[in-house]
N, C-alpha and C. Protein backbone atom coordinates (compact mmCIF):
# COMPACT_ATOMS: atom_id res chain seq x y z
N MET A 1 -1.45 28.67 2.81
CA MET A 1 -2.23 27.65 3.53
C MET A 1 -3.60 27.57 2.70
N SER A 2 -4.23 26.45 2.75
CA SER A 2 -5.53 26.17 1.99
C SER A 2 -6.55 26.76 2.87
N GLU A 3 -7.65 27.17 2.10
CA GLU A 3 -8.78 27.72 2.83
C GLU A 3 -9.65 26.55 3.43
N SER A 4 -10.25 26.85 4.58
CA SER A 4 -11.16 25.77 5.00
C SER A 4 -12.39 25.61 4.24
N VAL A 5 -13.10 24.63 4.33
CA VAL A 5 -14.39 24.26 3.74
C VAL A 5 -15.54 24.27 4.56
N ALA A 6 -16.62 24.92 4.19
CA ALA A 6 -17.75 24.82 4.98
C ALA A 6 -18.31 23.36 4.97
N LEU A 7 -18.51 22.91 6.13
CA LEU A 7 -19.05 21.43 6.28
C LEU A 7 -20.21 21.57 7.25
N ASP A 8 -21.33 20.91 6.87
CA ASP A 8 -22.52 20.79 7.65
C ASP A 8 -22.46 19.57 8.43
N PRO A 9 -23.35 19.39 9.52
CA PRO A 9 -23.35 18.16 10.26
C PRO A 9 -23.37 16.85 9.62
N VAL A 10 -24.06 16.72 8.33
CA VAL A 10 -23.94 15.54 7.66
C VAL A 10 -22.62 15.26 7.07
N ASP A 11 -21.95 16.20 6.44
CA ASP A 11 -20.65 16.16 6.09
C ASP A 11 -19.68 15.60 7.06
N LEU A 12 -19.82 16.27 8.34
CA LEU A 12 -18.98 15.88 9.39
C LEU A 12 -19.29 14.49 9.79
N HIS A 13 -20.42 14.05 9.88
CA HIS A 13 -20.76 12.70 10.28
C HIS A 13 -20.13 11.69 9.24
N ILE A 14 -20.35 12.04 7.92
CA ILE A 14 -19.72 11.25 6.83
C ILE A 14 -18.23 11.12 7.02
N LEU A 15 -17.60 12.23 7.31
CA LEU A 15 -16.07 12.19 7.53
C LEU A 15 -15.69 11.29 8.76
N ARG A 16 -16.44 11.37 9.73
CA ARG A 16 -16.19 10.80 11.01
C ARG A 16 -16.26 9.26 10.63
N LEU A 17 -17.31 8.87 9.94
CA LEU A 17 -17.44 7.39 9.74
C LEU A 17 -16.30 6.82 8.81
N LEU A 18 -15.98 7.63 7.72
CA LEU A 18 -14.93 7.17 6.75
C LEU A 18 -13.54 7.13 7.43
N GLN A 19 -13.35 8.06 8.33
CA GLN A 19 -12.05 8.05 9.06
C GLN A 19 -11.87 6.87 9.97
N ASN A 20 -12.97 6.37 10.43
CA ASN A 20 -13.01 5.08 11.27
C ASN A 20 -12.89 3.85 10.37
N ASP A 21 -13.56 3.97 9.33
CA ASP A 21 -13.44 2.75 8.28
C ASP A 21 -13.68 3.26 6.92
N ALA A 22 -12.52 3.49 6.24
CA ALA A 22 -12.72 4.02 4.90
C ALA A 22 -13.27 2.99 3.83
N ARG A 23 -13.41 1.78 4.30
CA ARG A 23 -14.06 0.82 3.38
C ARG A 23 -15.55 0.85 3.48
N THR A 24 -16.18 1.55 4.40
CA THR A 24 -17.60 1.75 4.49
C THR A 24 -18.33 1.97 3.11
N THR A 25 -19.28 1.33 2.82
CA THR A 25 -19.97 1.45 1.42
C THR A 25 -20.80 2.79 1.52
N TYR A 26 -21.27 3.21 0.35
CA TYR A 26 -22.02 4.40 0.36
C TYR A 26 -23.44 4.03 0.84
N ARG A 27 -23.81 2.84 0.55
CA ARG A 27 -25.15 2.48 1.15
C ARG A 27 -25.17 2.47 2.72
N GLU A 28 -24.10 2.01 3.31
CA GLU A 28 -23.86 1.93 4.78
C GLU A 28 -23.80 3.44 5.30
N LEU A 29 -22.95 4.25 4.64
CA LEU A 29 -22.84 5.63 5.01
C LEU A 29 -24.14 6.29 5.00
N ALA A 30 -24.94 6.20 3.91
CA ALA A 30 -26.27 6.88 3.76
C ALA A 30 -27.17 6.45 4.88
N ALA A 31 -27.31 5.20 5.11
CA ALA A 31 -28.14 4.65 6.15
C ALA A 31 -27.82 5.24 7.55
N GLU A 32 -26.48 5.37 7.66
CA GLU A 32 -26.00 5.81 9.15
C GLU A 32 -26.28 7.28 9.20
N VAL A 33 -26.09 8.07 8.22
CA VAL A 33 -26.28 9.49 8.31
C VAL A 33 -27.68 9.98 7.95
N GLY A 34 -28.50 9.10 7.38
CA GLY A 34 -29.96 9.28 7.23
C GLY A 34 -30.17 10.18 5.83
N VAL A 35 -29.39 9.86 4.79
CA VAL A 35 -29.64 10.50 3.43
C VAL A 35 -29.60 9.37 2.46
N ALA A 36 -30.04 9.68 1.21
CA ALA A 36 -30.18 8.64 0.13
C ALA A 36 -28.73 8.37 -0.22
N PRO A 37 -28.52 7.08 -0.77
CA PRO A 37 -27.16 6.79 -1.15
C PRO A 37 -26.70 7.73 -2.32
N SER A 38 -27.60 8.16 -3.17
CA SER A 38 -27.11 9.17 -4.23
C SER A 38 -26.69 10.35 -3.63
N THR A 39 -27.26 10.83 -2.66
CA THR A 39 -26.86 12.13 -1.96
C THR A 39 -25.51 11.88 -1.19
N CYS A 40 -25.40 10.60 -0.62
CA CYS A 40 -24.14 10.44 0.08
C CYS A 40 -22.99 10.42 -0.82
N LEU A 41 -23.26 9.83 -2.11
CA LEU A 41 -22.26 9.80 -3.01
C LEU A 41 -21.84 11.14 -3.63
N ASP A 42 -22.74 11.96 -3.90
CA ASP A 42 -22.56 13.35 -4.25
C ASP A 42 -21.69 14.15 -3.15
N ARG A 43 -22.15 13.94 -1.91
CA ARG A 43 -21.42 14.58 -0.88
C ARG A 43 -19.96 14.13 -0.66
N VAL A 44 -19.71 12.93 -0.85
CA VAL A 44 -18.35 12.40 -0.79
C VAL A 44 -17.44 12.83 -1.96
N ALA A 45 -18.10 12.87 -3.15
CA ALA A 45 -17.54 13.38 -4.39
C ALA A 45 -17.08 14.85 -4.19
N ARG A 46 -18.06 15.69 -3.61
CA ARG A 46 -17.70 17.07 -3.25
C ARG A 46 -16.53 17.16 -2.37
N LEU A 47 -16.58 16.42 -1.33
CA LEU A 47 -15.49 16.46 -0.30
C LEU A 47 -14.12 16.04 -0.90
N ARG A 48 -14.15 15.15 -1.88
CA ARG A 48 -12.97 14.88 -2.57
C ARG A 48 -12.50 15.95 -3.42
N ARG A 49 -13.46 16.55 -4.21
CA ARG A 49 -13.11 17.70 -5.15
C ARG A 49 -12.64 18.88 -4.36
N SER A 50 -13.17 19.17 -3.37
CA SER A 50 -12.70 20.39 -2.47
C SER A 50 -11.46 20.17 -1.66
N GLY A 51 -10.83 18.92 -1.75
CA GLY A 51 -9.63 18.54 -1.00
C GLY A 51 -9.72 18.22 0.41
N VAL A 52 -10.96 18.03 0.95
CA VAL A 52 -11.10 17.68 2.31
C VAL A 52 -10.70 16.17 2.36
N ILE A 53 -11.14 15.43 1.49
CA ILE A 53 -10.82 14.00 1.50
C ILE A 53 -9.62 13.93 0.57
N LEU A 54 -8.30 13.41 1.16
CA LEU A 54 -7.26 13.33 0.35
C LEU A 54 -6.98 12.01 -0.35
N GLY A 55 -7.67 11.03 0.20
CA GLY A 55 -7.27 9.71 -0.36
C GLY A 55 -7.68 8.66 0.59
N HIS A 56 -7.33 7.47 0.24
CA HIS A 56 -7.50 6.40 1.18
C HIS A 56 -6.15 5.57 1.26
N ARG A 57 -5.90 5.09 2.48
CA ARG A 57 -4.54 4.43 2.55
C ARG A 57 -4.69 3.12 3.30
N LEU A 58 -3.81 2.28 2.95
CA LEU A 58 -3.76 0.96 3.62
C LEU A 58 -2.72 1.06 4.70
N ARG A 59 -3.01 0.71 5.91
CA ARG A 59 -1.96 0.87 7.06
C ARG A 59 -1.45 -0.55 7.33
N LEU A 60 -0.11 -0.64 7.24
CA LEU A 60 0.73 -1.84 7.52
C LEU A 60 1.24 -1.88 8.90
N ASP A 61 1.56 -3.10 9.41
CA ASP A 61 2.30 -3.18 10.67
C ASP A 61 3.73 -3.23 10.37
N PRO A 62 4.56 -2.30 10.66
CA PRO A 62 6.03 -2.36 10.40
C PRO A 62 6.65 -3.66 11.03
N ALA A 63 6.32 -3.97 12.14
CA ALA A 63 6.96 -5.06 12.92
C ALA A 63 6.69 -6.43 12.07
N ARG A 64 5.57 -6.62 11.53
CA ARG A 64 5.20 -7.75 10.83
C ARG A 64 5.97 -7.86 9.43
N LEU A 65 6.45 -6.66 9.07
CA LEU A 65 7.28 -6.51 7.76
C LEU A 65 8.69 -6.53 8.11
N GLY A 66 9.09 -6.91 9.30
CA GLY A 66 10.60 -6.96 9.62
C GLY A 66 11.21 -5.60 9.97
N ARG A 67 10.32 -4.59 10.31
CA ARG A 67 10.77 -3.36 10.78
C ARG A 67 10.31 -2.92 12.17
N GLY A 68 10.56 -3.71 13.07
CA GLY A 68 10.01 -3.64 14.34
C GLY A 68 10.48 -2.45 15.19
N LEU A 69 11.59 -1.78 14.83
CA LEU A 69 12.13 -0.67 15.54
C LEU A 69 11.77 0.61 14.86
N GLU A 70 10.99 1.49 15.54
CA GLU A 70 10.75 2.77 15.02
C GLU A 70 11.53 3.91 15.64
N ALA A 71 11.81 4.92 15.13
CA ALA A 71 12.47 6.14 15.72
C ALA A 71 12.08 7.37 15.05
N LEU A 72 12.35 8.40 15.78
CA LEU A 72 12.32 9.83 15.26
C LEU A 72 13.62 10.39 15.16
N LEU A 73 13.88 10.91 13.98
CA LEU A 73 15.22 11.52 13.80
C LEU A 73 15.21 13.07 13.64
N LEU A 74 15.76 13.82 14.62
CA LEU A 74 15.79 15.25 14.62
C LEU A 74 17.01 15.66 13.71
N VAL A 75 16.86 16.27 12.58
CA VAL A 75 17.92 16.56 11.73
C VAL A 75 18.05 18.12 11.61
N GLN A 76 19.26 18.51 11.74
CA GLN A 76 19.56 19.93 11.45
C GLN A 76 20.52 19.90 10.20
N VAL A 77 20.12 20.85 9.18
CA VAL A 77 20.77 21.08 8.00
C VAL A 77 21.52 22.42 7.92
N ARG A 78 22.74 22.37 7.48
CA ARG A 78 23.51 23.58 7.29
C ARG A 78 24.29 23.49 6.06
N PRO A 79 24.32 24.47 5.22
CA PRO A 79 23.56 25.69 5.24
C PRO A 79 22.14 25.21 4.79
N HIS A 80 21.11 25.99 5.27
CA HIS A 80 19.68 25.76 4.94
C HIS A 80 19.36 26.54 3.65
N ARG A 81 19.83 26.02 2.61
CA ARG A 81 19.57 26.73 1.28
C ARG A 81 18.90 25.69 0.41
N ARG A 82 18.02 26.30 -0.38
CA ARG A 82 17.00 25.62 -1.33
C ARG A 82 17.71 24.60 -2.19
N GLU A 83 18.92 24.99 -2.72
CA GLU A 83 19.61 24.01 -3.63
C GLU A 83 20.12 22.82 -3.08
N LEU A 84 20.34 22.73 -1.70
CA LEU A 84 20.71 21.65 -0.94
C LEU A 84 19.54 20.88 -0.30
N ILE A 85 18.56 21.75 0.00
CA ILE A 85 17.25 21.14 0.61
C ILE A 85 16.47 20.24 -0.30
N GLY A 86 16.33 20.61 -1.54
CA GLY A 86 15.52 19.97 -2.48
C GLY A 86 15.93 18.54 -2.60
N PRO A 87 17.28 18.37 -3.01
CA PRO A 87 17.86 16.88 -3.13
C PRO A 87 17.73 16.03 -1.71
N PHE A 88 17.95 16.74 -0.69
CA PHE A 88 17.84 16.12 0.63
C PHE A 88 16.50 15.66 0.82
N VAL A 89 15.54 16.43 0.69
CA VAL A 89 14.09 16.07 0.81
C VAL A 89 13.75 14.92 -0.11
N ASP A 90 14.14 15.01 -1.32
CA ASP A 90 13.74 13.92 -2.32
C ASP A 90 14.38 12.58 -1.89
N ARG A 91 15.63 12.70 -1.36
CA ARG A 91 16.28 11.48 -1.04
C ARG A 91 15.69 10.75 0.24
N ILE A 92 15.31 11.57 1.24
CA ILE A 92 14.77 11.07 2.49
C ILE A 92 13.42 10.52 2.23
N ARG A 93 12.73 11.20 1.44
CA ARG A 93 11.37 10.70 1.07
C ARG A 93 11.32 9.45 0.41
N ALA A 94 12.39 9.14 -0.43
CA ALA A 94 12.54 7.93 -1.25
C ALA A 94 12.98 6.70 -0.34
N LEU A 95 13.55 6.99 0.81
CA LEU A 95 14.10 5.77 1.52
C LEU A 95 13.01 4.90 1.99
N PRO A 96 13.13 3.67 1.93
CA PRO A 96 12.01 2.71 2.29
C PRO A 96 11.75 2.73 3.79
N GLU A 97 12.74 3.14 4.55
CA GLU A 97 12.59 3.25 6.09
C GLU A 97 11.74 4.42 6.45
N SER A 98 11.63 5.53 5.58
CA SER A 98 10.95 6.77 6.07
C SER A 98 9.46 6.49 5.98
N ARG A 99 8.82 6.85 7.20
CA ARG A 99 7.38 6.64 7.34
C ARG A 99 6.68 8.01 7.29
N ALA A 100 7.29 9.22 7.86
CA ALA A 100 6.76 10.53 7.82
C ALA A 100 7.87 11.45 7.96
N PHE A 101 7.68 12.59 7.23
CA PHE A 101 8.80 13.61 7.18
C PHE A 101 8.24 14.99 7.31
N PHE A 102 8.72 15.73 8.28
CA PHE A 102 8.28 17.06 8.59
C PHE A 102 9.26 18.06 8.53
N HIS A 103 9.07 19.20 7.96
CA HIS A 103 9.85 20.41 8.01
C HIS A 103 9.41 21.21 9.28
N LEU A 104 10.40 21.68 10.07
CA LEU A 104 10.06 22.23 11.43
C LEU A 104 10.70 23.61 11.47
N THR A 105 10.14 24.34 12.54
CA THR A 105 10.74 25.62 12.97
C THR A 105 11.59 25.14 14.22
N GLY A 106 12.44 26.10 14.63
CA GLY A 106 13.27 25.85 15.88
C GLY A 106 14.51 25.36 15.46
N PRO A 107 15.32 24.85 16.53
CA PRO A 107 16.74 24.42 16.31
C PRO A 107 16.93 23.27 15.22
N ASP A 108 16.00 22.42 15.09
CA ASP A 108 16.01 21.25 14.25
C ASP A 108 15.03 21.66 12.98
N ASP A 109 15.66 21.24 11.88
CA ASP A 109 15.05 21.60 10.58
C ASP A 109 13.98 20.63 10.20
N TYR A 110 14.24 19.30 10.47
CA TYR A 110 13.44 18.15 9.95
C TYR A 110 13.21 17.20 11.11
N LEU A 111 12.07 16.55 11.08
CA LEU A 111 11.80 15.33 11.88
C LEU A 111 11.32 14.23 11.01
N VAL A 112 12.10 13.09 11.04
CA VAL A 112 11.71 11.95 10.23
C VAL A 112 11.41 10.78 11.05
N HIS A 113 10.24 10.22 10.76
CA HIS A 113 9.78 8.97 11.42
C HIS A 113 10.29 7.81 10.58
N VAL A 114 11.09 6.89 11.16
CA VAL A 114 11.56 5.90 10.34
C VAL A 114 11.30 4.48 11.16
N ALA A 115 11.27 3.46 10.33
CA ALA A 115 10.96 2.15 10.86
C ALA A 115 12.09 1.18 10.20
N VAL A 116 12.92 0.56 11.07
CA VAL A 116 14.06 -0.27 10.73
C VAL A 116 13.95 -1.73 11.46
N ALA A 117 14.80 -2.53 10.96
CA ALA A 117 14.75 -3.96 11.53
C ALA A 117 15.26 -3.99 13.05
N ASP A 118 16.27 -3.27 13.35
CA ASP A 118 16.98 -3.34 14.56
C ASP A 118 17.95 -2.24 14.86
N PRO A 119 18.57 -2.17 16.00
CA PRO A 119 19.50 -1.04 16.34
C PRO A 119 20.57 -0.96 15.29
N THR A 120 21.08 -1.99 14.79
CA THR A 120 22.25 -2.04 13.85
C THR A 120 21.73 -1.38 12.51
N ASP A 121 20.47 -1.78 12.11
CA ASP A 121 19.89 -1.17 10.90
C ASP A 121 19.70 0.35 11.16
N LEU A 122 19.34 0.63 12.30
CA LEU A 122 19.15 2.20 12.56
C LEU A 122 20.42 2.91 12.54
N GLN A 123 21.46 2.31 13.04
CA GLN A 123 22.79 2.88 13.06
C GLN A 123 23.24 3.09 11.55
N ARG A 124 23.02 1.98 10.87
CA ARG A 124 23.38 2.03 9.34
C ARG A 124 22.58 3.20 8.68
N LEU A 125 21.28 3.38 8.91
CA LEU A 125 20.48 4.40 8.21
C LEU A 125 21.00 5.76 8.59
N VAL A 126 21.26 6.00 9.93
CA VAL A 126 21.75 7.28 10.36
C VAL A 126 22.99 7.67 9.73
N LEU A 127 24.07 6.65 9.79
CA LEU A 127 25.43 6.98 9.26
C LEU A 127 25.54 7.03 7.74
N ASP A 128 24.80 6.08 7.11
CA ASP A 128 24.87 6.13 5.64
C ASP A 128 24.00 7.05 4.89
N GLU A 129 22.81 7.24 5.41
CA GLU A 129 21.79 8.15 4.60
C GLU A 129 21.68 9.54 5.29
N PHE A 130 22.09 9.81 6.48
CA PHE A 130 21.98 11.07 7.02
C PHE A 130 23.23 11.90 7.24
N THR A 131 23.99 11.34 8.15
CA THR A 131 25.27 12.05 8.60
C THR A 131 26.31 12.09 7.55
N SER A 132 26.24 11.05 6.62
CA SER A 132 27.15 11.18 5.48
C SER A 132 26.84 12.25 4.50
N ARG A 133 25.80 12.86 4.56
CA ARG A 133 25.37 13.96 3.63
C ARG A 133 26.05 15.26 4.09
N ARG A 134 26.58 15.92 3.16
CA ARG A 134 27.33 17.12 3.37
C ARG A 134 26.44 18.25 4.08
N GLU A 135 25.07 18.32 3.72
CA GLU A 135 24.25 19.38 4.37
C GLU A 135 23.70 18.95 5.62
N VAL A 136 23.96 17.79 6.13
CA VAL A 136 23.40 17.44 7.39
C VAL A 136 24.45 17.69 8.50
N ALA A 137 24.18 18.67 9.40
CA ALA A 137 25.08 19.09 10.43
C ALA A 137 24.92 18.28 11.73
N ARG A 138 23.69 17.73 12.10
CA ARG A 138 23.44 17.00 13.27
C ARG A 138 22.12 16.11 13.05
N VAL A 139 22.22 14.98 13.79
CA VAL A 139 21.07 14.13 13.82
C VAL A 139 20.90 13.67 15.24
N GLU A 140 19.68 13.84 15.85
CA GLU A 140 19.43 13.12 17.23
C GLU A 140 18.41 12.20 17.03
N THR A 141 18.59 11.22 17.68
CA THR A 141 17.63 9.98 17.54
C THR A 141 16.80 9.72 18.85
N ARG A 142 15.58 9.55 18.59
CA ARG A 142 14.64 9.09 19.65
C ARG A 142 13.88 7.86 19.21
N LEU A 143 14.08 6.82 20.10
CA LEU A 143 13.41 5.58 19.83
C LEU A 143 11.92 5.69 20.23
N ILE A 144 11.01 5.10 19.56
CA ILE A 144 9.60 5.09 19.82
C ILE A 144 9.22 3.83 20.63
N PHE A 145 8.88 3.86 21.84
CA PHE A 145 8.42 2.62 22.58
C PHE A 145 7.16 2.26 22.20
N GLN A 146 6.20 3.11 22.00
CA GLN A 146 4.80 2.80 21.86
C GLN A 146 4.11 4.08 21.21
N GLN A 147 3.08 3.74 20.35
CA GLN A 147 2.42 4.87 19.74
C GLN A 147 0.92 4.49 19.65
N TRP A 148 0.05 5.53 19.74
CA TRP A 148 -1.33 5.27 19.69
C TRP A 148 -2.00 6.19 18.49
N GLU A 149 -3.03 5.59 18.06
CA GLU A 149 -3.83 6.30 17.05
C GLU A 149 -4.79 7.40 17.80
N CYS A 150 -4.97 8.48 17.13
CA CYS A 150 -5.83 9.38 17.97
C CYS A 150 -7.17 9.56 17.17
N GLY A 151 -8.17 10.18 17.75
CA GLY A 151 -9.42 10.24 17.11
C GLY A 151 -9.40 10.91 15.79
N PRO A 152 -10.64 10.90 15.21
CA PRO A 152 -10.80 11.49 13.84
C PRO A 152 -10.44 13.00 13.81
N LEU A 153 -9.88 13.61 12.83
CA LEU A 153 -9.56 14.98 12.67
C LEU A 153 -10.89 15.69 12.33
N MET A 154 -11.48 16.41 13.08
CA MET A 154 -12.68 17.21 12.78
C MET A 154 -12.41 18.57 12.97
N PRO A 155 -12.99 19.45 12.24
CA PRO A 155 -12.82 20.94 12.52
C PRO A 155 -13.53 21.42 13.63
N PRO A 156 -13.11 22.34 14.34
CA PRO A 156 -13.66 22.83 15.60
C PRO A 156 -15.02 23.51 15.30
N THR A 157 -16.09 23.65 16.11
CA THR A 157 -17.26 24.22 15.85
C THR A 157 -16.98 25.71 15.84
N ALA A 158 -18.02 26.63 15.48
CA ALA A 158 -17.88 28.06 15.35
C ALA A 158 -17.47 28.73 16.65
N ASP A 159 -17.89 28.00 17.78
CA ASP A 159 -17.52 28.43 19.19
C ASP A 159 -16.16 27.97 19.54
N GLY A 160 -15.39 27.25 18.83
CA GLY A 160 -14.13 26.76 19.05
C GLY A 160 -14.06 25.38 19.90
N ARG A 161 -15.13 24.92 19.89
CA ARG A 161 -15.30 23.66 20.62
C ARG A 161 -15.12 22.33 19.80
N ASN A 162 -14.48 21.39 20.25
CA ASN A 162 -14.27 20.18 19.54
C ASN A 162 -15.73 19.32 19.50
N PRO A 163 -16.21 19.11 18.30
CA PRO A 163 -17.50 18.41 18.18
C PRO A 163 -17.39 16.99 18.67
N ALA A 164 -16.36 16.33 18.83
CA ALA A 164 -16.31 14.98 19.23
C ALA A 164 -16.42 14.85 20.74
N THR A 165 -15.70 15.85 21.43
CA THR A 165 -15.70 15.79 22.89
C THR A 165 -16.44 16.87 23.56
N GLY A 166 -16.66 17.91 22.95
CA GLY A 166 -17.39 19.07 23.47
C GLY A 166 -16.37 19.89 24.30
N SER A 167 -15.09 19.54 24.34
CA SER A 167 -14.08 20.42 25.02
C SER A 167 -13.77 21.52 24.27
N GLY A 168 -13.31 22.64 24.95
CA GLY A 168 -12.97 23.83 24.32
C GLY A 168 -11.46 23.85 23.92
N THR A 169 -11.27 24.57 22.78
CA THR A 169 -9.80 24.77 22.31
C THR A 169 -9.54 26.16 22.44
N ARG A 170 -10.24 27.03 23.02
CA ARG A 170 -9.70 28.43 23.19
C ARG A 170 -9.26 28.52 24.64
N PRO A 171 -8.40 29.48 24.89
CA PRO A 171 -7.88 29.72 26.25
C PRO A 171 -8.93 29.99 27.19
N GLY A 172 -8.87 29.27 28.30
CA GLY A 172 -9.77 29.47 29.44
C GLY A 172 -11.05 28.45 29.20
N SER A 173 -11.09 27.69 28.09
CA SER A 173 -12.12 26.73 27.86
C SER A 173 -12.07 25.66 28.94
């Protein structure tokens, strides 16, 4: 696991603003957090170098691209051996329908978030790309009716509280 990075309140404010709008200019960021633009630029560069900021992404609406049906596929792989898993992971990540891919603990080995055109397209994907593979023992499908974006990912404070809400994250909070 990666080590956490020490962040001060200015860093946290910058991160919160960028998570809400990654197109915010350095001049706008600097004005909002109360530092010089050059200081803001240096801080963002340090956050990138340290791996806190991983990149910027363009979010697309799958429905407007003809992929209006989204689902979660729970996949069990047997045998769970590296020589089979590597090619499986590479193939699933390369599928244009794959949106997110997770390696899990528990009875299911993988969770794959997919976006497809319709139920027939989902059936084709499951049969042709998943269950036809020799290492796939089982696939369960869950349709996504609706999804919501959640707030910015901010580290808890030293006392275990969420800085955005003030709520506790420790037992009994």
